[in-house]
Amino acid sequence: MAADLQGAIAASGWTDHPPGDPQTSQDLLALLTRLYEIGRRDLPLARLLEGHVDAVQIVQRYGSPPQVDRLRQILGQGATLGVWNAALAGEPLRLDGDRLSGGKSYASGAGVLSHALVTADTPGGAQLLLLDLARVVPRIDRDWWQVTGMQRSETHQLRWHDAPIDEEDRIAAPGCYAREPFFSGGALRFVAVHAGGIAGICDQTRDHLVRAGRAEDPFQAARLAALFGLADLAAATVRRTAERWYEDQAGDGEARLARVASARLVVTDAAERAMVIAREAVGLAGQFRAHPLSAMLGDLAVYLRQPAPDAQRLRVGQAVQRGLLAPSL
């Protein structure tokens, strides 16, 4: 997976020209389209690529000029980054002086990435640290990630004990990681990957039915039509949300964050429906591990389980109530 990730970064042109915060709708769409395309083929790889983009953008946004220079240097050497924020239950990651102890959970790319951005508890708040994982080596629990999909994302639990860090590992002041609109708005990146996964399911289902000589069956044709509609809806939702990102400033920017939350809900619903239709169309053959649809279905089912879905519904509902969101053509 490490070689695949490096290859995807290089193919995207992000080794020598790392992705920063997009400044126009066109820039944002170009970034999301790249993530969509990778997700259409390989969801675990897209998950790691999205995390790399997130980490690189954060360091460029909040890091000092020497830190940004160092980032560009290591990227030119093939570095791969991710963001590990989820606390390990009962063992939160803590920074005492220059010593790091505790752990992280849901750390995608553990054992694959060369560097990681982590949040560590300090008296002043959550401190971002950019860790060289060859220097600040975590202990990785690989037995924990026993799931039905996304195994190749290498999402594990990590622990450090009294690990020394350097002063230049600290990125900005405590508390910057959750700063809006980047924290909530960044969800649009993984929503684009999810939309790509729906397109991939449509592709795999079509290819299976054509190979089996069943694509012209009227019931199967109806299923293909439904899958296309769901994939097209998901892609259009991501595109429209990206196009509106630089326009929705009402309510101190809450409108665009609510629109991202709405996109997440719409795409998740489309994905759930697409998986049901694909299973009906392909039948038992799609449940065999060797079938390409099997991995896509399992990976997307796990990847969709992003935290706090009810909070997204509440955010959208409140924005509609306040008149910040209204349907339009």
C-alpha atoms as a PDB file:
ATOM      1  CA  MET A   1       0.000   0.000   0.000  1.00  0.00           C
ATOM      2  CA  ALA A   2       2.908   2.395   0.683  1.00  0.00           C
ATOM      3  CA  ALA A   3       4.035   2.187  -2.953  1.00  0.00           C
ATOM      4  CA  ASP A   4       0.454   2.607  -4.186  1.00  0.00           C
ATOM      5  CA  LEU A   5       0.025   5.726  -2.061  1.00  0.00           C
ATOM      6  CA  GLN A   6       3.294   7.241  -3.226  1.00  0.00           C
ATOM      7  CA  GLY A   7       2.305   6.470  -6.801  1.00  0.00           C
ATOM      8  CA  ALA A   8      -1.096   8.141  -6.399  1.00  0.00           C
ATOM      9  CA  ILE A   9       0.519  11.233  -4.871  1.00  0.00           C
ATOM     10  CA  ALA A  10       3.057  11.444  -7.692  1.00  0.00           C
ATOM     11  CA  ALA A  11       0.403  10.868 -10.379  1.00  0.00           C
ATOM     12  CA  SER A  12      -1.623  13.730  -8.875  1.00  0.00           C
ATOM     13  CA  GLY A  13       1.368  16.072  -9.162  1.00  0.00           C
ATOM     14  CA  TRP A  14       1.454  16.539  -5.402  1.00  0.00           C
ATOM     15  CA  THR A  15       5.061  15.500  -4.808  1.00  0.00           C
ATOM     16  CA  ASP A  16       6.543  18.715  -6.163  1.00  0.00           C
ATOM     17  CA  HIS A  17       3.353  20.805  -5.967  1.00  0.00           C
ATOM     18  CA  PRO A  18       1.596  19.850  -2.720  1.00  0.00           C
ATOM     19  CA  PRO A  19      -2.113  20.670  -2.500  1.00  0.00           C
ATOM     20  CA  GLY A  20      -2.895  23.787  -0.507  1.00  0.00           C
ATOM     21  CA  ASP A  21      -6.262  25.244   0.409  1.00  0.00           C
ATOM     22  CA  PRO A  22      -8.156  25.748  -2.881  1.00  0.00           C
ATOM     23  CA  GLN A  23      -8.782  29.403  -3.671  1.00  0.00           C
ATOM     24  CA  THR A  24     -11.471  28.990  -6.340  1.00  0.00           C
ATOM     25  CA  SER A  25     -14.330  26.618  -7.100  1.00  0.00           C
ATOM     26  CA  GLN A  26     -12.331  25.278 -10.038  1.00  0.00           C
ATOM     27  CA  ASP A  27      -9.380  24.433  -7.778  1.00  0.00           C
ATOM     28  CA  LEU A  28     -11.668  22.746  -5.267  1.00  0.00           C
ATOM     29  CA  LEU A  29     -13.413  20.744  -7.983  1.00  0.00           C
ATOM     30  CA  ALA A  30     -10.079  19.603  -9.404  1.00  0.00           C
ATOM     31  CA  LEU A  31      -9.008  18.309  -5.981  1.00  0.00           C
ATOM     32  CA  LEU A  32     -12.333  16.582  -5.316  1.00  0.00           C
ATOM     33  CA  THR A  33     -12.375  15.062  -8.793  1.00  0.00           C
ATOM     34  CA  ARG A  34      -8.987  13.458  -8.185  1.00  0.00           C
ATOM     35  CA  LEU A  35     -10.194  11.934  -4.911  1.00  0.00           C
ATOM     36  CA  TYR A  36     -13.420  10.812  -6.634  1.00  0.00           C
ATOM     37  CA  GLU A  37     -11.469   9.075  -9.386  1.00  0.00           C
ATOM     38  CA  ILE A  38      -9.265   7.148  -6.945  1.00  0.00           C
ATOM     39  CA  GLY A  39     -12.286   6.216  -4.828  1.00  0.00           C
ATOM     40  CA  ARG A  40     -14.001   4.857  -7.903  1.00  0.00           C
ATOM     41  CA  ARG A  41     -11.219   2.283  -8.236  1.00  0.00           C
ATOM     42  CA  ASP A  42      -9.806   1.752  -4.742  1.00  0.00           C
ATOM     43  CA  LEU A  43     -11.503   3.056  -1.596  1.00  0.00           C
ATOM     44  CA  PRO A  44      -8.769   2.161   0.938  1.00  0.00           C
ATOM     45  CA  LEU A  45      -6.159   3.906  -1.218  1.00  0.00           C
ATOM     46  CA  ALA A  46      -8.453   6.924  -1.584  1.00  0.00           C
ATOM     47  CA  ARG A  47      -8.891   7.024   2.198  1.00  0.00           C
ATOM     48  CA  LEU A  48      -5.132   7.314   2.682  1.00  0.00           C
ATOM     49  CA  LEU A  49      -4.797   9.831  -0.147  1.00  0.00           C
ATOM     50  CA  GLU A  50      -7.526  12.006   1.383  1.00  0.00           C
ATOM     51  CA  GLY A  51      -5.739  11.908   4.744  1.00  0.00           C
ATOM     52  CA  HIS A  52      -2.486  12.897   3.068  1.00  0.00           C
ATOM     53  CA  VAL A  53      -4.175  15.904   1.454  1.00  0.00           C
ATOM     54  CA  ASP A  54      -5.716  16.902   4.783  1.00  0.00           C
ATOM     55  CA  ALA A  55      -2.382  16.764   6.606  1.00  0.00           C
ATOM     56  CA  VAL A  56      -0.497  18.649   3.894  1.00  0.00           C
ATOM     57  CA  GLN A  57      -3.122  21.391   3.795  1.00  0.00           C
ATOM     58  CA  ILE A  58      -3.089  21.771   7.590  1.00  0.00           C
ATOM     59  CA  VAL A  59       0.694  22.143   7.791  1.00  0.00           C
ATOM     60  CA  GLN A  60       0.708  24.695   4.991  1.00  0.00           C
ATOM     61  CA  ARG A  61      -2.178  26.579   6.608  1.00  0.00           C
ATOM     62  CA  TYR A  62      -0.883  26.761  10.180  1.00  0.00           C
ATOM     63  CA  GLY A  63       2.811  25.923  10.042  1.00  0.00           C
ATOM     64  CA  SER A  64       5.624  28.457  10.266  1.00  0.00           C
ATOM     65  CA  PRO A  65       7.589  29.253   7.086  1.00  0.00           C
ATOM     66  CA  PRO A  66      10.452  26.912   8.143  1.00  0.00           C
ATOM     67  CA  GLN A  67       7.933  24.135   8.839  1.00  0.00           C
ATOM     68  CA  VAL A  68       6.289  24.612   5.440  1.00  0.00           C
ATOM     69  CA  ASP A  69       9.732  24.535   3.807  1.00  0.00           C
ATOM     70  CA  ARG A  70      10.512  21.329   5.657  1.00  0.00           C
ATOM     71  CA  LEU A  71       7.190  19.860   4.542  1.00  0.00           C
ATOM     72  CA  ARG A  72       7.991  20.559   0.903  1.00  0.00           C
ATOM     73  CA  GLN A  73      11.410  19.005   1.350  1.00  0.00           C
ATOM     74  CA  ILE A  74      10.117  15.730   2.777  1.00  0.00           C
ATOM     75  CA  LEU A  75       7.322  15.559   0.208  1.00  0.00           C
ATOM     76  CA  GLY A  76       9.940  15.821  -2.515  1.00  0.00           C
ATOM     77  CA  GLN A  77      11.609  12.821  -0.893  1.00  0.00           C
ATOM     78  CA  GLY A  78       8.409  10.774  -1.093  1.00  0.00           C
ATOM     79  CA  ALA A  79       6.888  11.393   2.342  1.00  0.00           C
ATOM     80  CA  THR A  80       3.328  10.262   2.978  1.00  0.00           C
ATOM     81  CA  LEU A  81       1.217  11.945   5.666  1.00  0.00           C
ATOM     82  CA  GLY A  82      -2.017  11.404   7.539  1.00  0.00           C
ATOM     83  CA  VAL A  83      -4.060  12.927  10.352  1.00  0.00           C
ATOM     84  CA  TRP A  84      -4.665  10.919  13.534  1.00  0.00           C
ATOM     85  CA  ASN A  85      -7.124  12.687  15.807  1.00  0.00           C
ATOM     86  CA  ALA A  86      -9.355  10.004  17.371  1.00  0.00           C
ATOM     87  CA  ALA A  87      -8.504   9.417  21.031  1.00  0.00           C
ATOM     88  CA  LEU A  88      -7.748   5.945  22.319  1.00  0.00           C
ATOM     89  CA  ALA A  89     -10.342   5.161  24.982  1.00  0.00           C
ATOM     90  CA  GLY A  90      -8.830   5.496  28.441  1.00  0.00           C
ATOM     91  CA  GLU A  91      -5.419   6.434  27.044  1.00  0.00           C
ATOM     92  CA  PRO A  92      -5.632   9.923  25.503  1.00  0.00           C
ATOM     93  CA  LEU A  93      -2.477  11.183  23.872  1.00  0.00           C
ATOM     94  CA  ARG A  94      -0.823  13.720  26.190  1.00  0.00           C
ATOM     95  CA  LEU A  95       2.114  16.040  25.740  1.00  0.00           C
ATOM     96  CA  ASP A  96       3.978  16.804  28.965  1.00  0.00           C
ATOM     97  CA  GLY A  97       6.785  19.204  28.156  1.00  0.00           C
ATOM     98  CA  ASP A  98       8.536  17.467  25.288  1.00  0.00           C
ATOM     99  CA  ARG A  99       7.346  13.944  26.154  1.00  0.00           C
ATOM    100  CA  LEU A 100       4.492  12.162  24.413  1.00  0.00           C
ATOM    101  CA  SER A 101       2.441   9.414  26.066  1.00  0.00           C
ATOM    102  CA  GLY A 102      -0.895   7.766  25.332  1.00  0.00           C
ATOM    103  CA  GLY A 103      -2.534   6.626  22.164  1.00  0.00           C
ATOM    104  CA  LYS A 104      -4.712   7.127  19.119  1.00  0.00           C
ATOM    105  CA  SER A 105      -7.433   4.998  17.580  1.00  0.00           C
ATOM    106  CA  TYR A 106      -8.684   4.740  13.988  1.00  0.00           C
ATOM    107  CA  ALA A 107      -5.209   5.689  12.784  1.00  0.00           C
ATOM    108  CA  SER A 108      -5.449   4.991   9.060  1.00  0.00           C
ATOM    109  CA  GLY A 109      -2.137   4.247   7.404  1.00  0.00           C
ATOM    110  CA  ALA A 110      -0.400   3.091  10.593  1.00  0.00           C
ATOM    111  CA  GLY A 111       2.734   1.274   9.487  1.00  0.00           C
ATOM    112  CA  VAL A 112       2.349   2.732   5.989  1.00  0.00           C
ATOM    113  CA  LEU A 113       2.780   6.491   6.434  1.00  0.00           C
ATOM    114  CA  SER A 114       6.123   8.179   6.959  1.00  0.00           C
ATOM    115  CA  HIS A 115       4.702  11.126   8.932  1.00  0.00           C
ATOM    116  CA  ALA A 116       1.508  11.876  10.838  1.00  0.00           C
ATOM    117  CA  LEU A 117      -0.234  14.895  12.270  1.00  0.00           C
ATOM    118  CA  VAL A 118      -1.581  14.054  15.724  1.00  0.00           C
ATOM    119  CA  THR A 119      -3.482  16.045  18.325  1.00  0.00           C
ATOM    120  CA  ALA A 120      -2.111  15.802  21.849  1.00  0.00           C
ATOM    121  CA  ASP A 121      -3.731  17.076  25.038  1.00  0.00           C
ATOM    122  CA  THR A 122      -1.929  19.940  26.766  1.00  0.00           C
ATOM    123  CA  PRO A 123      -3.051  22.397  29.462  1.00  0.00           C
ATOM    124  CA  GLY A 124      -3.650  24.955  26.707  1.00  0.00           C
ATOM    125  CA  GLY A 125      -5.730  22.649  24.505  1.00  0.00           C
ATOM    126  CA  ALA A 126      -5.129  20.192  21.702  1.00  0.00           C
ATOM    127  CA  GLN A 127      -1.640  20.659  20.275  1.00  0.00           C
ATOM    128  CA  LEU A 128      -0.926  19.622  16.688  1.00  0.00           C
ATOM    129  CA  LEU A 129       2.296  17.704  16.213  1.00  0.00           C
ATOM    130  CA  LEU A 130       3.856  16.632  12.934  1.00  0.00           C
ATOM    131  CA  LEU A 131       5.677  13.427  13.811  1.00  0.00           C
ATOM    132  CA  ASP A 132       8.379  11.708  11.815  1.00  0.00           C
ATOM    133  CA  LEU A 133       7.274   8.151  12.513  1.00  0.00           C
ATOM    134  CA  ALA A 134      10.765   6.785  11.997  1.00  0.00           C
ATOM    135  CA  ARG A 135      11.955   9.009  14.857  1.00  0.00           C
ATOM    136  CA  VAL A 136       8.892   9.033  17.139  1.00  0.00           C
ATOM    137  CA  VAL A 137       7.973   5.381  16.647  1.00  0.00           C
ATOM    138  CA  PRO A 138       4.567   4.214  17.928  1.00  0.00           C
ATOM    139  CA  ARG A 139       3.631   0.749  19.083  1.00  0.00           C
ATOM    140  CA  ILE A 140       0.963  -0.486  16.642  1.00  0.00           C
ATOM    141  CA  ASP A 141      -1.900  -2.800  17.627  1.00  0.00           C
ATOM    142  CA  ARG A 142      -2.832  -4.501  14.350  1.00  0.00           C
ATOM    143  CA  ASP A 143      -5.112  -7.088  15.975  1.00  0.00           C
ATOM    144  CA  TRP A 144      -7.817  -4.500  16.667  1.00  0.00           C
ATOM    145  CA  TRP A 145      -8.787  -3.740  13.038  1.00  0.00           C
ATOM    146  CA  GLN A 146     -11.046  -6.771  12.479  1.00  0.00           C
ATOM    147  CA  VAL A 147     -13.708  -5.319  10.176  1.00  0.00           C
ATOM    148  CA  THR A 148     -15.665  -6.462   7.136  1.00  0.00           C
ATOM    149  CA  GLY A 149     -14.142  -3.876   4.810  1.00  0.00           C
ATOM    150  CA  MET A 150     -11.354  -1.297   4.458  1.00  0.00           C
ATOM    151  CA  GLN A 151      -8.784  -3.747   5.827  1.00  0.00           C
ATOM    152  CA  ARG A 152      -6.207  -2.401   3.387  1.00  0.00           C
ATOM    153  CA  SER A 153      -6.469   1.079   4.892  1.00  0.00           C
ATOM    154  CA  GLU A 154      -4.314  -0.261   7.776  1.00  0.00           C
ATOM    155  CA  THR A 155      -6.421   1.555  10.367  1.00  0.00           C
ATOM    156  CA  HIS A 156      -4.976   0.596  13.744  1.00  0.00           C
ATOM    157  CA  GLN A 157      -4.535   1.665  17.349  1.00  0.00           C
ATOM    158  CA  LEU A 158      -1.273   3.291  18.424  1.00  0.00           C
ATOM    159  CA  ARG A 159       0.553   3.986  21.662  1.00  0.00           C
ATOM    160  CA  TRP A 160       3.572   6.010  22.699  1.00  0.00           C
ATOM    161  CA  HIS A 161       5.225   6.010  26.112  1.00  0.00           C
ATOM    162  CA  ASP A 162       7.401   8.924  27.195  1.00  0.00           C
ATOM    163  CA  ALA A 163       8.493   9.524  23.591  1.00  0.00           C
ATOM    164  CA  PRO A 164      10.616  12.660  23.119  1.00  0.00           C
ATOM    165  CA  ILE A 165       9.578  15.200  20.499  1.00  0.00           C
ATOM    166  CA  ASP A 166      11.422  18.161  19.024  1.00  0.00           C
ATOM    167  CA  GLU A 167      10.204  21.722  19.426  1.00  0.00           C
ATOM    168  CA  GLU A 168       9.769  22.059  15.652  1.00  0.00           C
ATOM    169  CA  ASP A 169       7.263  19.169  15.728  1.00  0.00           C
ATOM    170  CA  ARG A 170       4.691  21.567  17.212  1.00  0.00           C
ATOM    171  CA  ILE A 171       2.402  23.072  14.587  1.00  0.00           C
ATOM    172  CA  ALA A 172       0.966  26.463  15.616  1.00  0.00           C
ATOM    173  CA  ALA A 173      -0.745  27.106  18.946  1.00  0.00           C
ATOM    174  CA  PRO A 174      -3.082  24.653  20.688  1.00  0.00           C
ATOM    175  CA  GLY A 175      -6.623  24.622  19.370  1.00  0.00           C
ATOM    176  CA  CYS A 176      -6.008  25.356  15.697  1.00  0.00           C
ATOM    177  CA  TYR A 177      -6.969  21.888  14.433  1.00  0.00           C
ATOM    178  CA  ALA A 178     -10.724  22.357  14.951  1.00  0.00           C
ATOM    179  CA  ARG A 179     -10.801  25.847  13.433  1.00  0.00           C
ATOM    180  CA  GLU A 180     -13.651  26.453  10.996  1.00  0.00           C
ATOM    181  CA  PRO A 181     -14.527  26.417   8.177  1.00  0.00           C
ATOM    182  CA  PHE A 182     -11.727  23.948   7.473  1.00  0.00           C
ATOM    183  CA  PHE A 183     -12.599  21.361  10.131  1.00  0.00           C
ATOM    184  CA  SER A 184     -16.235  20.728   9.157  1.00  0.00           C
ATOM    185  CA  GLY A 185     -15.862  21.829   5.545  1.00  0.00           C
ATOM    186  CA  GLY A 186     -13.066  19.340   4.980  1.00  0.00           C
ATOM    187  CA  ALA A 187     -15.629  16.543   5.160  1.00  0.00           C
ATOM    188  CA  LEU A 188     -16.388  17.282   1.507  1.00  0.00           C
ATOM    189  CA  ARG A 189     -13.150  15.476   0.610  1.00  0.00           C
ATOM    190  CA  PHE A 190     -14.287  12.119   1.962  1.00  0.00           C
ATOM    191  CA  VAL A 191     -17.798  12.715   0.607  1.00  0.00           C
ATOM    192  CA  ALA A 192     -16.202  12.976  -2.845  1.00  0.00           C
ATOM    193  CA  VAL A 193     -14.467   9.643  -2.237  1.00  0.00           C
ATOM    194  CA  HIS A 194     -17.796   8.099  -1.189  1.00  0.00           C
ATOM    195  CA  ALA A 195     -19.374   9.404  -4.396  1.00  0.00           C
ATOM    196  CA  GLY A 196     -16.544   7.774  -6.324  1.00  0.00           C
ATOM    197  CA  GLY A 197     -17.283   4.515  -4.525  1.00  0.00           C
ATOM    198  CA  ILE A 198     -20.905   4.649  -5.725  1.00  0.00           C
ATOM    199  CA  ALA A 199     -19.673   5.154  -9.287  1.00  0.00           C
ATOM    200  CA  GLY A 200     -17.359   2.171  -8.802  1.00  0.00           C
ATOM    201  CA  ILE A 201     -20.270   0.011  -7.684  1.00  0.00           C
ATOM    202  CA  CYS A 202     -22.189   1.074 -10.794  1.00  0.00           C
ATOM    203  CA  ASP A 203     -19.153   0.184 -12.937  1.00  0.00           C
ATOM    204  CA  GLN A 204     -18.634  -3.217 -11.322  1.00  0.00           C
ATOM    205  CA  THR A 205     -22.318  -4.141 -11.510  1.00  0.00           C
ATOM    206  CA  ARG A 206     -22.539  -3.163 -15.185  1.00  0.00           C
ATOM    207  CA  ASP A 207     -19.373  -5.091 -16.054  1.00  0.00           C
ATOM    208  CA  HIS A 208     -20.630  -8.202 -14.272  1.00  0.00           C
ATOM    209  CA  LEU A 209     -24.008  -8.138 -16.006  1.00  0.00           C
ATOM    210  CA  VAL A 210     -22.444  -7.571 -19.418  1.00  0.00           C
ATOM    211  CA  ARG A 211     -19.988 -10.443 -18.928  1.00  0.00           C
ATOM    212  CA  ALA A 212     -22.800 -12.709 -17.769  1.00  0.00           C
ATOM    213  CA  GLY A 213     -25.021 -11.759 -20.721  1.00  0.00           C
ATOM    214  CA  ARG A 214     -27.707 -10.472 -18.376  1.00  0.00           C
ATOM    215  CA  ALA A 215     -27.505  -6.722 -18.967  1.00  0.00           C
ATOM    216  CA  GLU A 216     -30.419  -6.687 -21.438  1.00  0.00           C
ATOM    217  CA  ASP A 217     -32.814  -8.345 -19.029  1.00  0.00           C
ATOM    218  CA  PRO A 218     -35.458  -5.656 -18.356  1.00  0.00           C
ATOM    219  CA  PHE A 219     -35.211  -6.024 -14.575  1.00  0.00           C
ATOM    220  CA  GLN A 220     -31.418  -5.742 -14.690  1.00  0.00           C
ATOM    221  CA  ALA A 221     -31.643  -2.780 -17.050  1.00  0.00           C
ATOM    222  CA  ALA A 222     -33.903  -1.101 -14.514  1.00  0.00           C
ATOM    223  CA  ARG A 223     -31.333  -1.759 -11.785  1.00  0.00           C
ATOM    224  CA  LEU A 224     -28.568  -0.285 -13.926  1.00  0.00           C
ATOM    225  CA  ALA A 225     -30.717   2.780 -14.519  1.00  0.00           C
ATOM    226  CA  ALA A 226     -31.257   3.153 -10.783  1.00  0.00           C
ATOM    227  CA  LEU A 227     -27.531   2.752 -10.065  1.00  0.00           C
ATOM    228  CA  PHE A 228     -26.639   5.380 -12.629  1.00  0.00           C
ATOM    229  CA  GLY A 229     -29.178   7.769 -11.128  1.00  0.00           C
ATOM    230  CA  LEU A 230     -27.737   7.321  -7.637  1.00  0.00           C
ATOM    231  CA  ALA A 231     -24.130   7.688  -8.818  1.00  0.00           C
ATOM    232  CA  ASP A 232     -25.038  10.759 -10.851  1.00  0.00           C
ATOM    233  CA  LEU A 233     -26.917  12.268  -7.910  1.00  0.00           C
ATOM    234  CA  ALA A 234     -23.919  11.761  -5.621  1.00  0.00           C
ATOM    235  CA  ALA A 235     -21.481  13.303  -8.097  1.00  0.00           C
ATOM    236  CA  ALA A 236     -23.801  16.247  -8.812  1.00  0.00           C
ATOM    237  CA  THR A 237     -24.249  16.855  -5.083  1.00  0.00           C
ATOM    238  CA  VAL A 238     -20.498  17.048  -4.532  1.00  0.00           C
ATOM    239  CA  ARG A 239     -20.053  19.307  -7.551  1.00  0.00           C
ATOM    240  CA  ARG A 240     -22.837  21.714  -6.554  1.00  0.00           C
ATOM    241  CA  THR A 241     -21.573  21.869  -2.976  1.00  0.00           C
ATOM    242  CA  ALA A 242     -18.090  22.707  -4.214  1.00  0.00           C
ATOM    243  CA  GLU A 243     -19.431  25.366  -6.556  1.00  0.00           C
ATOM    244  CA  ARG A 244     -21.370  26.995  -3.717  1.00  0.00           C
ATOM    245  CA  TRP A 245     -18.505  26.845  -1.198  1.00  0.00           C
ATOM    246  CA  TYR A 246     -17.212  30.293  -2.098  1.00  0.00           C
ATOM    247  CA  GLU A 247     -20.717  31.786  -2.360  1.00  0.00           C
ATOM    248  CA  ASP A 248     -22.437  30.626   0.834  1.00  0.00           C
ATOM    249  CA  GLN A 249     -21.250  33.123   3.429  1.00  0.00           C
ATOM    250  CA  ALA A 250     -24.617  33.757   5.102  1.00  0.00           C
ATOM    251  CA  GLY A 251     -24.842  33.190   8.849  1.00  0.00           C
ATOM    252  CA  ASP A 252     -21.106  33.693   9.386  1.00  0.00           C
ATOM    253  CA  GLY A 253     -20.327  30.875   6.975  1.00  0.00           C
ATOM    254  CA  GLU A 254     -22.720  28.397   8.582  1.00  0.00           C
ATOM    255  CA  ALA A 255     -24.630  28.019   5.296  1.00  0.00           C
ATOM    256  CA  ARG A 256     -21.708  26.393   3.517  1.00  0.00           C
ATOM    257  CA  LEU A 257     -20.911  24.104   6.447  1.00  0.00           C
ATOM    258  CA  ALA A 258     -24.554  23.032   6.560  1.00  0.00           C
ATOM    259  CA  ARG A 259     -24.436  22.426   2.807  1.00  0.00           C
ATOM    260  CA  VAL A 260     -21.424  20.129   3.269  1.00  0.00           C
ATOM    261  CA  ALA A 261     -23.327  18.289   6.003  1.00  0.00           C
ATOM    262  CA  SER A 262     -26.288  17.937   3.653  1.00  0.00           C
ATOM    263  CA  ALA A 263     -24.020  16.582   0.915  1.00  0.00           C
ATOM    264  CA  ARG A 264     -22.691  13.988   3.336  1.00  0.00           C
ATOM    265  CA  LEU A 265     -26.233  12.856   4.178  1.00  0.00           C
ATOM    266  CA  VAL A 266     -27.366  12.748   0.544  1.00  0.00           C
ATOM    267  CA  VAL A 267     -24.329  10.794  -0.618  1.00  0.00           C
ATOM    268  CA  THR A 268     -24.547   8.355   2.296  1.00  0.00           C
ATOM    269  CA  ASP A 269     -28.203   7.667   1.512  1.00  0.00           C
ATOM    270  CA  ALA A 270     -27.391   7.179  -2.185  1.00  0.00           C
ATOM    271  CA  ALA A 271     -24.568   4.794  -1.283  1.00  0.00           C
ATOM    272  CA  GLU A 272     -26.761   2.688   1.007  1.00  0.00           C
ATOM    273  CA  ARG A 273     -29.382   2.339  -1.728  1.00  0.00           C
ATOM    274  CA  ALA A 274     -26.772   1.599  -4.396  1.00  0.00           C
ATOM    275  CA  MET A 275     -25.295  -1.247  -2.353  1.00  0.00           C
ATOM    276  CA  VAL A 276     -28.707  -2.889  -1.994  1.00  0.00           C
ATOM    277  CA  ILE A 277     -29.410  -2.630  -5.726  1.00  0.00           C
ATOM    278  CA  ALA A 278     -25.963  -3.962  -6.664  1.00  0.00           C
ATOM    279  CA  ARG A 279     -26.406  -6.999  -4.429  1.00  0.00           C
ATOM    280  CA  GLU A 280     -29.800  -7.680  -6.006  1.00  0.00           C
ATOM    281  CA  ALA A 281     -28.355  -7.366  -9.503  1.00  0.00           C
ATOM    282  CA  VAL A 282     -25.255  -9.525  -9.072  1.00  0.00           C
ATOM    283  CA  GLY A 283     -26.589 -11.982  -6.538  1.00  0.00           C
ATOM    284  CA  LEU A 284     -24.432 -14.494  -4.707  1.00  0.00           C
ATOM    285  CA  ALA A 285     -21.518 -14.084  -7.128  1.00  0.00           C
ATOM    286  CA  GLY A 286     -20.877 -10.640  -5.695  1.00  0.00           C
ATOM    287  CA  GLN A 287     -20.381 -12.074  -2.219  1.00  0.00           C
ATOM    288  CA  PHE A 288     -17.365 -14.181  -3.227  1.00  0.00           C
ATOM    289  CA  ARG A 289     -14.128 -12.580  -2.063  1.00  0.00           C
ATOM    290  CA  ALA A 290     -12.568 -12.972  -5.500  1.00  0.00           C
ATOM    291  CA  HIS A 291     -15.305 -10.888  -7.126  1.00  0.00           C
ATOM    292  CA  PRO A 292     -14.264  -7.214  -7.531  1.00  0.00           C
ATOM    293  CA  LEU A 293     -17.682  -6.024  -6.371  1.00  0.00           C
ATOM    294  CA  SER A 294     -17.295  -7.800  -3.031  1.00  0.00           C
ATOM    295  CA  ALA A 295     -14.392  -5.629  -1.893  1.00  0.00           C
ATOM    296  CA  MET A 296     -16.057  -2.451  -3.126  1.00  0.00           C
ATOM    297  CA  LEU A 297     -19.264  -3.200  -1.209  1.00  0.00           C
ATOM    298  CA  GLY A 298     -17.442  -4.123   1.979  1.00  0.00           C
ATOM    299  CA  ASP A 299     -15.098  -1.142   1.820  1.00  0.00           C
ATOM    300  CA  LEU A 300     -17.846   1.398   1.179  1.00  0.00           C
ATOM    301  CA  ALA A 301     -20.081  -0.016   3.927  1.00  0.00           C
ATOM    302  CA  VAL A 302     -17.284   0.540   6.466  1.00  0.00           C
ATOM    303  CA  TYR A 303     -16.091   3.872   5.050  1.00  0.00           C
ATOM    304  CA  LEU A 304     -19.589   5.355   5.261  1.00  0.00           C
ATOM    305  CA  ARG A 305     -19.580   5.003   9.039  1.00  0.00           C
ATOM    306  CA  GLN A 306     -18.287   8.487   9.733  1.00  0.00           C
ATOM    307  CA  PRO A 307     -18.898   9.902  13.226  1.00  0.00           C
ATOM    308  CA  ALA A 308     -21.915  11.905  14.402  1.00  0.00           C
ATOM    309  CA  PRO A 309     -24.418  11.483  11.538  1.00  0.00           C
ATOM    310  CA  ASP A 310     -27.259  12.786  13.707  1.00  0.00           C
ATOM    311  CA  ALA A 311     -25.300  15.986  14.349  1.00  0.00           C
ATOM    312  CA  GLN A 312     -25.141  16.525  10.586  1.00  0.00           C
ATOM    313  CA  ARG A 313     -28.922  16.195  10.280  1.00  0.00           C
ATOM    314  CA  LEU A 314     -29.382  18.645  13.122  1.00  0.00           C
ATOM    315  CA  ARG A 315     -27.016  21.150  11.499  1.00  0.00           C
ATOM    316  CA  VAL A 316     -28.862  20.940   8.180  1.00  0.00           C
ATOM    317  CA  GLY A 317     -32.288  21.193   9.803  1.00  0.00           C
ATOM    318  CA  GLN A 318     -31.291  24.252  11.786  1.00  0.00           C
ATOM    319  CA  ALA A 319     -29.867  25.910   8.670  1.00  0.00           C
ATOM    320  CA  VAL A 320     -33.139  25.299   6.817  1.00  0.00           C
ATOM    321  CA  GLN A 321     -35.098  26.700   9.775  1.00  0.00           C
ATOM    322  CA  ARG A 322     -32.964  29.868   9.753  1.00  0.00           C
ATOM    323  CA  GLY A 323     -33.365  30.309   6.018  1.00  0.00           C
ATOM    324  CA  LEU A 324     -29.668  29.716   5.350  1.00  0.00           C
ATOM    325  CA  LEU A 325     -30.468  26.762   3.082  1.00  0.00           C
ATOM    326  CA  ALA A 326     -33.319  26.678   0.591  1.00  0.00           C
ATOM    327  CA  PRO A 327     -33.840  24.514  -2.490  1.00  0.00           C
ATOM    328  CA  SER A 328     -32.978  26.160  -5.814  1.00  0.00           C
ATOM    329  CA  LEU A 329     -32.256  25.168  -9.387  1.00  0.00           C
END
